[in-house]
Amino acid sequence: MQERRQVARWQLDKEAGLVFDGGISSIPCTVEDISTSGMKISLSRDLFHEAFSSFRLALTEGLVFDMGAHVAWHDNAYEKNIYGLSFNRIEESAISWISEHVKNNLPVN
């Protein structure tokens, strides 16, 4: 399959939490890979694609970003729902964190 992404993603494999608009509790997920333009996440729940239009991604208790995305693709594997998300809204602080983290820690995928 030919890669169509404009920006390369980097492997992260980090446990995180998603909180959607109107939601109170965090939904556990794994951020498989990430870039400043999108990410791949996996979680045990199957969600409406529209849910990703506005959410908070909590990478740690003190590292939470407000984002919006559309679902580019969705798959099921090993009893997990895997979503490829393309950001349509991302905080500047999230872009800075991703860029800095990638530069210092992660090999290009």
Protein backbone atom coordinates (compact mmCIF):
# COMPACT_ATOMS: atom_id res chain seq x y z
CA MET A 1 0.00 0.00 0.00
CA GLN A 2 1.34 3.42 -0.93
CA GLU A 3 1.78 5.94 1.89
CA ARG A 4 -0.44 8.99 1.33
CA ARG A 5 0.30 10.98 4.46
CA GLN A 6 1.84 14.41 4.04
CA VAL A 7 3.40 14.28 7.53
CA ALA A 8 5.10 11.13 8.87
CA ARG A 9 3.75 9.64 12.08
CA TRP A 10 5.87 8.36 14.93
CA GLN A 11 5.30 5.26 17.04
CA LEU A 12 4.12 6.17 20.52
CA ASP A 13 2.27 3.15 21.98
CA LYS A 14 1.19 5.21 24.99
CA GLU A 15 -1.80 4.59 27.23
CA ALA A 16 -4.07 7.64 27.28
CA GLY A 17 -7.63 8.71 27.92
CA LEU A 18 -10.31 10.29 25.76
CA VAL A 19 -13.00 12.57 27.11
CA PHE A 20 -15.70 13.63 24.69
CA ASP A 21 -17.93 16.71 24.87
CA GLY A 22 -20.50 16.13 27.57
CA GLY A 23 -18.54 13.17 28.90
CA ILE A 24 -17.46 12.96 32.50
CA SER A 25 -15.24 9.92 32.65
CA SER A 26 -12.22 9.13 30.54
CA ILE A 27 -12.29 6.27 28.03
CA PRO A 28 -8.99 4.35 28.07
CA CYS A 29 -7.17 4.08 24.77
CA THR A 30 -3.71 3.54 23.33
CA VAL A 31 -2.16 6.15 21.08
CA GLU A 32 -0.38 3.87 18.62
CA ASP A 33 1.24 6.60 16.53
CA ILE A 34 0.95 10.37 16.22
CA SER A 35 1.95 13.39 14.17
CA THR A 36 0.92 17.02 14.14
CA SER A 37 -1.74 16.15 11.56
CA GLY A 38 -3.26 12.96 12.99
CA MET A 39 -2.95 9.81 15.06
CA LYS A 40 -3.89 6.16 15.26
CA ILE A 41 -5.62 5.04 18.43
CA SER A 42 -7.03 1.76 19.64
CA LEU A 43 -9.69 1.17 22.26
CA SER A 44 -12.12 -1.50 23.34
CA ARG A 45 -15.23 0.55 22.53
CA ASP A 46 -16.77 1.19 19.14
CA LEU A 47 -17.59 4.90 18.90
CA PHE A 48 -19.64 7.00 16.52
CA HIS A 49 -17.24 8.71 14.15
CA GLU A 50 -18.85 12.07 14.96
CA ALA A 51 -17.66 11.73 18.57
CA PHE A 52 -14.14 12.65 17.47
CA SER A 53 -15.23 16.11 16.27
CA SER A 54 -14.43 17.47 19.74
CA PHE A 55 -12.51 15.64 22.46
CA ARG A 56 -9.73 15.93 25.02
CA LEU A 57 -6.74 13.63 24.83
CA ALA A 58 -5.09 13.00 28.21
CA LEU A 59 -1.59 11.61 27.73
CA THR A 60 -0.80 12.09 31.43
CA GLU A 61 -2.74 13.72 34.24
CA GLY A 62 -1.08 17.07 33.54
CA LEU A 63 -0.83 16.73 29.76
CA VAL A 64 -4.30 17.18 28.25
CA PHE A 65 -5.04 18.60 24.80
CA ASP A 66 -8.31 19.77 23.24
CA MET A 67 -8.65 18.42 19.71
CA GLY A 68 -11.04 17.76 16.89
CA ALA A 69 -10.65 15.16 14.16
CA HIS A 70 -12.44 13.22 11.49
CA VAL A 71 -12.11 9.47 11.17
CA ALA A 72 -10.06 8.68 8.07
CA TRP A 73 -10.47 4.94 8.60
CA HIS A 74 -11.71 2.42 11.18
CA ASP A 75 -10.77 -1.23 11.64
CA ASN A 76 -11.24 -4.05 14.16
CA ALA A 77 -8.40 -6.32 15.26
CA TYR A 78 -7.79 -8.45 18.34
CA GLU A 79 -11.03 -7.26 19.96
CA LYS A 80 -9.95 -3.62 19.59
CA ASN A 81 -11.40 -0.78 17.55
CA ILE A 82 -8.62 1.03 15.71
CA TYR A 83 -9.19 4.54 14.39
CA GLY A 84 -7.06 6.58 12.03
CA LEU A 85 -7.78 10.20 12.88
CA SER A 86 -6.96 13.31 10.90
CA PHE A 87 -6.92 16.45 13.05
CA ASN A 88 -9.08 19.35 11.96
CA ARG A 89 -8.48 21.21 15.22
CA ILE A 90 -5.42 20.94 17.45
CA GLU A 91 -4.05 23.24 20.14
CA GLU A 92 -0.73 24.95 19.49
CA SER A 93 0.56 23.42 22.74
CA ALA A 94 -0.22 19.94 21.36
CA ILE A 95 1.67 20.69 18.14
CA SER A 96 4.65 21.91 20.19
CA TRP A 97 4.57 18.87 22.48
CA ILE A 98 4.32 16.39 19.59
CA SER A 99 7.11 18.10 17.66
CA GLU A 100 9.42 18.29 20.68
CA HIS A 101 8.67 14.75 21.85
CA VAL A 102 9.26 13.34 18.39
CA LYS A 103 12.48 15.27 17.91
CA ASN A 104 13.89 14.07 21.24
CA ASN A 105 12.55 10.53 21.60
CA LEU A 106 11.13 8.76 18.64
CA PRO A 107 12.36 7.29 15.36
CA VAL A 108 10.40 8.13 12.24
CA ASN A 109 7.86 5.41 11.36
